[in-house]
Amino acid sequence: MKAWYLLYCKPRGEARAVHNLTLQEIETYLPTIGEEKRVKGQIIVKRIPLFPGYLFIYFDPQITSVARIHSTRGVGRIVGCKELMTTVDDSIIHSIKMREHKLLSELLPELKLEGADAQELPATEVEFSPGEKIRFTEGPFAELEGIFEEKNGDKRCHVLFDIMGQQKRVSVSKRIIKPI
């Protein structure tokens, strides 16, 4: 029976894995998030993987060989417990897709209004302490909780949160988190 599975990719191999799996007619989903950068006075949004090194695939292991997937260029392995592959519930995939779509639709009107002479809005800088509990205010993780780990430059930080029973580290903009 077809189900979603989490796939670990080779380093920076997400796009290659998606391309090669698509050629094999295997449905893939690579959640992305927009990363804003100011280049020559303009704000540019680059789409980067939400979970670097991972993507979701939808297939039936009874029809498509797992060995075939593992031998695909860009693919590391299917995530699971030892020999057993762990399925990902459809509702989780749907929720991530909806949050990603909402974030993208909110971001596009903002980008259309931004011009070459756009100015940054002053932000109230909140300082976080390592180990402090936080809540995401927007984006695909909106309303989820995590733990502030450390600053990553002036505008970004590393946050830890639980997903699929494991604690993962994510680099996010400091403006989308708040202390609890």
C-alpha atoms as a PDB file:
ATOM      1  CA  MET A   1       0.000   0.000   0.000  1.00  0.00           C
ATOM      2  CA  LYS A   2       1.276   3.473  -0.886  1.00  0.00           C
ATOM      3  CA  ALA A   3       2.450   5.635   1.996  1.00  0.00           C
ATOM      4  CA  TRP A   4       4.746   8.575   2.722  1.00  0.00           C
ATOM      5  CA  TYR A   5       8.271   7.847   3.927  1.00  0.00           C
ATOM      6  CA  LEU A   6      11.076  10.131   5.079  1.00  0.00           C
ATOM      7  CA  LEU A   7      14.167   9.875   2.920  1.00  0.00           C
ATOM      8  CA  TYR A   8      17.675  10.877   3.991  1.00  0.00           C
ATOM      9  CA  CYS A   9      19.642  12.380   1.097  1.00  0.00           C
ATOM     10  CA  LYS A  10      23.332  12.627   0.451  1.00  0.00           C
ATOM     11  CA  PRO A  11      24.869  16.007   1.428  1.00  0.00           C
ATOM     12  CA  ARG A  12      23.220  18.782  -0.610  1.00  0.00           C
ATOM     13  CA  GLY A  13      21.639  16.071  -2.755  1.00  0.00           C
ATOM     14  CA  GLU A  14      17.964  16.909  -2.241  1.00  0.00           C
ATOM     15  CA  ALA A  15      17.444  18.400  -5.719  1.00  0.00           C
ATOM     16  CA  ARG A  16      19.321  15.554  -7.397  1.00  0.00           C
ATOM     17  CA  ALA A  17      17.284  12.961  -5.481  1.00  0.00           C
ATOM     18  CA  VAL A  18      13.994  14.698  -6.380  1.00  0.00           C
ATOM     19  CA  HIS A  19      14.986  14.826 -10.057  1.00  0.00           C
ATOM     20  CA  ASN A  20      16.065  11.169 -10.247  1.00  0.00           C
ATOM     21  CA  LEU A  21      13.090   9.861  -8.247  1.00  0.00           C
ATOM     22  CA  THR A  22      10.704  11.870 -10.441  1.00  0.00           C
ATOM     23  CA  LEU A  23      12.260  10.224 -13.507  1.00  0.00           C
ATOM     24  CA  GLN A  24      11.334   6.891 -11.906  1.00  0.00           C
ATOM     25  CA  GLU A  25       7.745   8.175 -11.449  1.00  0.00           C
ATOM     26  CA  ILE A  26       8.020   8.232  -7.650  1.00  0.00           C
ATOM     27  CA  GLU A  27       6.159  11.117  -6.020  1.00  0.00           C
ATOM     28  CA  THR A  28       8.389  13.366  -3.920  1.00  0.00           C
ATOM     29  CA  TYR A  29       7.829  16.325  -1.631  1.00  0.00           C
ATOM     30  CA  LEU A  30      10.671  18.644  -0.621  1.00  0.00           C
ATOM     31  CA  PRO A  31       9.327  21.258   1.816  1.00  0.00           C
ATOM     32  CA  THR A  32      11.061  24.602   1.397  1.00  0.00           C
ATOM     33  CA  ILE A  33      11.191  27.892   3.231  1.00  0.00           C
ATOM     34  CA  GLY A  34      12.102  31.350   1.975  1.00  0.00           C
ATOM     35  CA  GLU A  35      15.359  32.824   3.206  1.00  0.00           C
ATOM     36  CA  GLU A  36      15.572  36.585   2.800  1.00  0.00           C
ATOM     37  CA  LYS A  37      18.864  38.166   1.843  1.00  0.00           C
ATOM     38  CA  ARG A  38      19.688  41.764   1.027  1.00  0.00           C
ATOM     39  CA  VAL A  39      21.806  41.906  -2.123  1.00  0.00           C
ATOM     40  CA  LYS A  40      22.784  45.286  -3.580  1.00  0.00           C
ATOM     41  CA  GLY A  41      19.969  47.019  -1.714  1.00  0.00           C
ATOM     42  CA  GLN A  42      17.266  44.587  -2.850  1.00  0.00           C
ATOM     43  CA  ILE A  43      15.645  41.836  -0.854  1.00  0.00           C
ATOM     44  CA  ILE A  44      15.990  38.469  -2.527  1.00  0.00           C
ATOM     45  CA  VAL A  45      14.144  35.409  -1.282  1.00  0.00           C
ATOM     46  CA  LYS A  46      15.842  32.111  -1.950  1.00  0.00           C
ATOM     47  CA  ARG A  47      13.948  28.855  -1.416  1.00  0.00           C
ATOM     48  CA  ILE A  48      15.951  26.471   0.778  1.00  0.00           C
ATOM     49  CA  PRO A  49      14.973  23.038   2.135  1.00  0.00           C
ATOM     50  CA  LEU A  50      12.968  23.205   5.353  1.00  0.00           C
ATOM     51  CA  PHE A  51      14.653  20.006   6.552  1.00  0.00           C
ATOM     52  CA  PRO A  52      18.136  20.066   4.996  1.00  0.00           C
ATOM     53  CA  GLY A  53      19.157  16.584   3.919  1.00  0.00           C
ATOM     54  CA  TYR A  54      15.633  15.140   3.972  1.00  0.00           C
ATOM     55  CA  LEU A  55      12.636  14.822   1.660  1.00  0.00           C
ATOM     56  CA  PHE A  56       9.413  12.828   1.626  1.00  0.00           C
ATOM     57  CA  ILE A  57       8.555  10.144  -0.925  1.00  0.00           C
ATOM     58  CA  TYR A  58       5.207   8.481  -1.654  1.00  0.00           C
ATOM     59  CA  PHE A  59       5.415   4.916  -2.916  1.00  0.00           C
ATOM     60  CA  ASP A  60       4.367   1.307  -2.376  1.00  0.00           C
ATOM     61  CA  PRO A  61       7.288  -0.912  -1.242  1.00  0.00           C
ATOM     62  CA  GLN A  62       5.408  -3.962  -2.597  1.00  0.00           C
ATOM     63  CA  ILE A  63       5.529  -2.491  -6.129  1.00  0.00           C
ATOM     64  CA  THR A  64       8.696  -0.349  -6.144  1.00  0.00           C
ATOM     65  CA  SER A  65      11.852  -1.992  -4.829  1.00  0.00           C
ATOM     66  CA  VAL A  66      13.428  -0.301  -1.810  1.00  0.00           C
ATOM     67  CA  ALA A  67      16.833  -1.277  -3.210  1.00  0.00           C
ATOM     68  CA  ARG A  68      15.971   0.680  -6.374  1.00  0.00           C
ATOM     69  CA  ILE A  69      15.258   3.780  -4.292  1.00  0.00           C
ATOM     70  CA  HIS A  70      18.434   3.347  -2.216  1.00  0.00           C
ATOM     71  CA  SER A  71      20.515   3.097  -5.409  1.00  0.00           C
ATOM     72  CA  THR A  72      19.083   6.330  -6.854  1.00  0.00           C
ATOM     73  CA  ARG A  73      21.610   9.168  -7.217  1.00  0.00           C
ATOM     74  CA  GLY A  74      21.285  11.714  -4.419  1.00  0.00           C
ATOM     75  CA  VAL A  75      19.533   9.247  -2.085  1.00  0.00           C
ATOM     76  CA  GLY A  76      21.076   8.079   1.179  1.00  0.00           C
ATOM     77  CA  ARG A  77      18.478   5.795   2.745  1.00  0.00           C
ATOM     78  CA  ILE A  78      14.877   5.595   3.862  1.00  0.00           C
ATOM     79  CA  VAL A  79      14.571   6.612   7.516  1.00  0.00           C
ATOM     80  CA  GLY A  80      13.243   3.974   9.889  1.00  0.00           C
ATOM     81  CA  CYS A  81      14.041   1.738  12.808  1.00  0.00           C
ATOM     82  CA  LYS A  82      16.705  -0.772  11.763  1.00  0.00           C
ATOM     83  CA  GLU A  83      15.153  -2.952   9.045  1.00  0.00           C
ATOM     84  CA  LEU A  84      11.654  -1.457   9.238  1.00  0.00           C
ATOM     85  CA  MET A  85      10.742   1.697   7.352  1.00  0.00           C
ATOM     86  CA  THR A  86       8.621   4.141   9.314  1.00  0.00           C
ATOM     87  CA  THR A  87       5.662   5.640   7.475  1.00  0.00           C
ATOM     88  CA  VAL A  88       4.766   9.309   7.847  1.00  0.00           C
ATOM     89  CA  ASP A  89       1.099  10.056   8.459  1.00  0.00           C
ATOM     90  CA  ASP A  90      -0.704  11.812   5.577  1.00  0.00           C
ATOM     91  CA  SER A  91      -1.950  14.486   7.987  1.00  0.00           C
ATOM     92  CA  ILE A  92       1.642  15.535   8.775  1.00  0.00           C
ATOM     93  CA  ILE A  93       2.465  15.941   5.079  1.00  0.00           C
ATOM     94  CA  HIS A  94      -0.795  17.818   4.504  1.00  0.00           C
ATOM     95  CA  SER A  95      -0.100  20.129   7.455  1.00  0.00           C
ATOM     96  CA  ILE A  96       3.427  20.939   6.229  1.00  0.00           C
ATOM     97  CA  LYS A  97       2.118  21.618   2.701  1.00  0.00           C
ATOM     98  CA  MET A  98      -0.629  23.919   4.011  1.00  0.00           C
ATOM     99  CA  ARG A  99       1.779  25.889   6.201  1.00  0.00           C
ATOM    100  CA  GLU A 100       4.295  26.160   3.372  1.00  0.00           C
ATOM    101  CA  HIS A 101       1.578  27.366   0.981  1.00  0.00           C
ATOM    102  CA  LYS A 102       0.287  29.900   3.541  1.00  0.00           C
ATOM    103  CA  LEU A 103       3.791  31.252   4.123  1.00  0.00           C
ATOM    104  CA  LEU A 104       4.453  31.566   0.403  1.00  0.00           C
ATOM    105  CA  SER A 105       1.152  33.354  -0.251  1.00  0.00           C
ATOM    106  CA  GLU A 106       1.881  35.802   2.589  1.00  0.00           C
ATOM    107  CA  LEU A 107       5.399  36.409   1.316  1.00  0.00           C
ATOM    108  CA  LEU A 108       4.568  37.090  -2.352  1.00  0.00           C
ATOM    109  CA  PRO A 109       2.463  40.261  -1.863  1.00  0.00           C
ATOM    110  CA  GLU A 110       5.200  41.631   0.385  1.00  0.00           C
ATOM    111  CA  LEU A 111       7.808  41.000  -2.301  1.00  0.00           C
ATOM    112  CA  LYS A 112       5.784  42.780  -4.982  1.00  0.00           C
ATOM    113  CA  LEU A 113       5.709  45.929  -2.860  1.00  0.00           C
ATOM    114  CA  GLU A 114       9.419  45.872  -2.104  1.00  0.00           C
ATOM    115  CA  GLY A 115      11.572  47.868  -4.473  1.00  0.00           C
ATOM    116  CA  ALA A 116      15.214  48.747  -4.901  1.00  0.00           C
ATOM    117  CA  ASP A 117      14.825  51.572  -2.397  1.00  0.00           C
ATOM    118  CA  ALA A 118      13.152  49.408   0.246  1.00  0.00           C
ATOM    119  CA  GLN A 119      14.148  50.194   3.793  1.00  0.00           C
ATOM    120  CA  GLU A 120      14.356  47.762   6.654  1.00  0.00           C
ATOM    121  CA  LEU A 121      11.800  48.286   9.356  1.00  0.00           C
ATOM    122  CA  PRO A 122      13.284  48.746  12.808  1.00  0.00           C
ATOM    123  CA  ALA A 123      12.702  45.635  14.882  1.00  0.00           C
ATOM    124  CA  THR A 124      12.658  45.292  18.616  1.00  0.00           C
ATOM    125  CA  GLU A 125      15.516  42.936  19.318  1.00  0.00           C
ATOM    126  CA  VAL A 126      14.693  40.198  21.818  1.00  0.00           C
ATOM    127  CA  GLU A 127      17.628  38.397  23.358  1.00  0.00           C
ATOM    128  CA  PHE A 128      17.211  34.682  23.984  1.00  0.00           C
ATOM    129  CA  SER A 129      19.183  32.483  26.344  1.00  0.00           C
ATOM    130  CA  PRO A 130      20.344  28.990  25.389  1.00  0.00           C
ATOM    131  CA  GLY A 131      17.799  26.443  26.637  1.00  0.00           C
ATOM    132  CA  GLU A 132      14.938  28.989  26.693  1.00  0.00           C
ATOM    133  CA  LYS A 133      11.565  27.730  25.429  1.00  0.00           C
ATOM    134  CA  ILE A 134      10.255  29.526  22.335  1.00  0.00           C
ATOM    135  CA  ARG A 135       7.211  29.453  20.051  1.00  0.00           C
ATOM    136  CA  PHE A 136       7.254  29.972  16.285  1.00  0.00           C
ATOM    137  CA  THR A 137       4.993  32.884  15.312  1.00  0.00           C
ATOM    138  CA  GLU A 138       4.856  32.317  11.545  1.00  0.00           C
ATOM    139  CA  GLY A 139       5.996  30.036   8.774  1.00  0.00           C
ATOM    140  CA  PRO A 140       5.620  26.273   8.464  1.00  0.00           C
ATOM    141  CA  PHE A 141       6.274  25.784  12.191  1.00  0.00           C
ATOM    142  CA  ALA A 142       3.737  28.423  13.327  1.00  0.00           C
ATOM    143  CA  GLU A 143       2.406  27.735  16.830  1.00  0.00           C
ATOM    144  CA  LEU A 144       4.909  24.917  17.441  1.00  0.00           C
ATOM    145  CA  GLU A 145       7.271  25.098  20.398  1.00  0.00           C
ATOM    146  CA  GLY A 146      11.007  24.581  20.517  1.00  0.00           C
ATOM    147  CA  ILE A 147      14.142  25.347  22.483  1.00  0.00           C
ATOM    148  CA  PHE A 148      16.497  28.203  21.612  1.00  0.00           C
ATOM    149  CA  GLU A 149      19.982  26.789  21.125  1.00  0.00           C
ATOM    150  CA  GLU A 150      22.250  29.620  19.912  1.00  0.00           C
ATOM    151  CA  LYS A 151      22.570  32.716  17.720  1.00  0.00           C
ATOM    152  CA  ASN A 152      23.629  32.182  14.123  1.00  0.00           C
ATOM    153  CA  GLY A 153      24.684  35.625  12.925  1.00  0.00           C
ATOM    154  CA  ASP A 154      22.757  38.856  13.476  1.00  0.00           C
ATOM    155  CA  LYS A 155      19.355  37.787  12.126  1.00  0.00           C
ATOM    156  CA  ARG A 156      19.229  34.011  12.487  1.00  0.00           C
ATOM    157  CA  CYS A 157      19.397  31.438  15.258  1.00  0.00           C
ATOM    158  CA  HIS A 158      19.381  27.693  15.834  1.00  0.00           C
ATOM    159  CA  VAL A 159      16.296  26.168  17.432  1.00  0.00           C
ATOM    160  CA  LEU A 160      15.749  22.596  18.594  1.00  0.00           C
ATOM    161  CA  PHE A 161      12.333  20.958  18.343  1.00  0.00           C
ATOM    162  CA  ASP A 162      10.840  17.470  18.342  1.00  0.00           C
ATOM    163  CA  ILE A 163       9.608  16.000  15.079  1.00  0.00           C
ATOM    164  CA  MET A 164       8.845  12.338  14.444  1.00  0.00           C
ATOM    165  CA  GLY A 165      10.176  11.394  17.868  1.00  0.00           C
ATOM    166  CA  GLN A 166      13.597  12.970  17.326  1.00  0.00           C
ATOM    167  CA  GLN A 167      15.029  16.323  18.317  1.00  0.00           C
ATOM    168  CA  LYS A 168      16.123  18.271  15.221  1.00  0.00           C
ATOM    169  CA  ARG A 169      18.119  21.489  14.855  1.00  0.00           C
ATOM    170  CA  VAL A 170      16.718  24.154  12.517  1.00  0.00           C
ATOM    171  CA  SER A 171      18.199  27.501  11.511  1.00  0.00           C
ATOM    172  CA  VAL A 172      15.477  30.184  11.438  1.00  0.00           C
ATOM    173  CA  SER A 173      15.078  33.950  11.416  1.00  0.00           C
ATOM    174  CA  LYS A 174      14.958  35.440  14.916  1.00  0.00           C
ATOM    175  CA  ARG A 175      11.916  37.512  13.902  1.00  0.00           C
ATOM    176  CA  ILE A 176       9.648  34.431  13.665  1.00  0.00           C
ATOM    177  CA  ILE A 177      10.168  33.212  17.239  1.00  0.00           C
ATOM    178  CA  LYS A 178       9.073  34.555  20.596  1.00  0.00           C
ATOM    179  CA  PRO A 179       9.769  33.488  24.169  1.00  0.00           C
ATOM    180  CA  ILE A 180       7.122  31.465  25.983  1.00  0.00           C
END
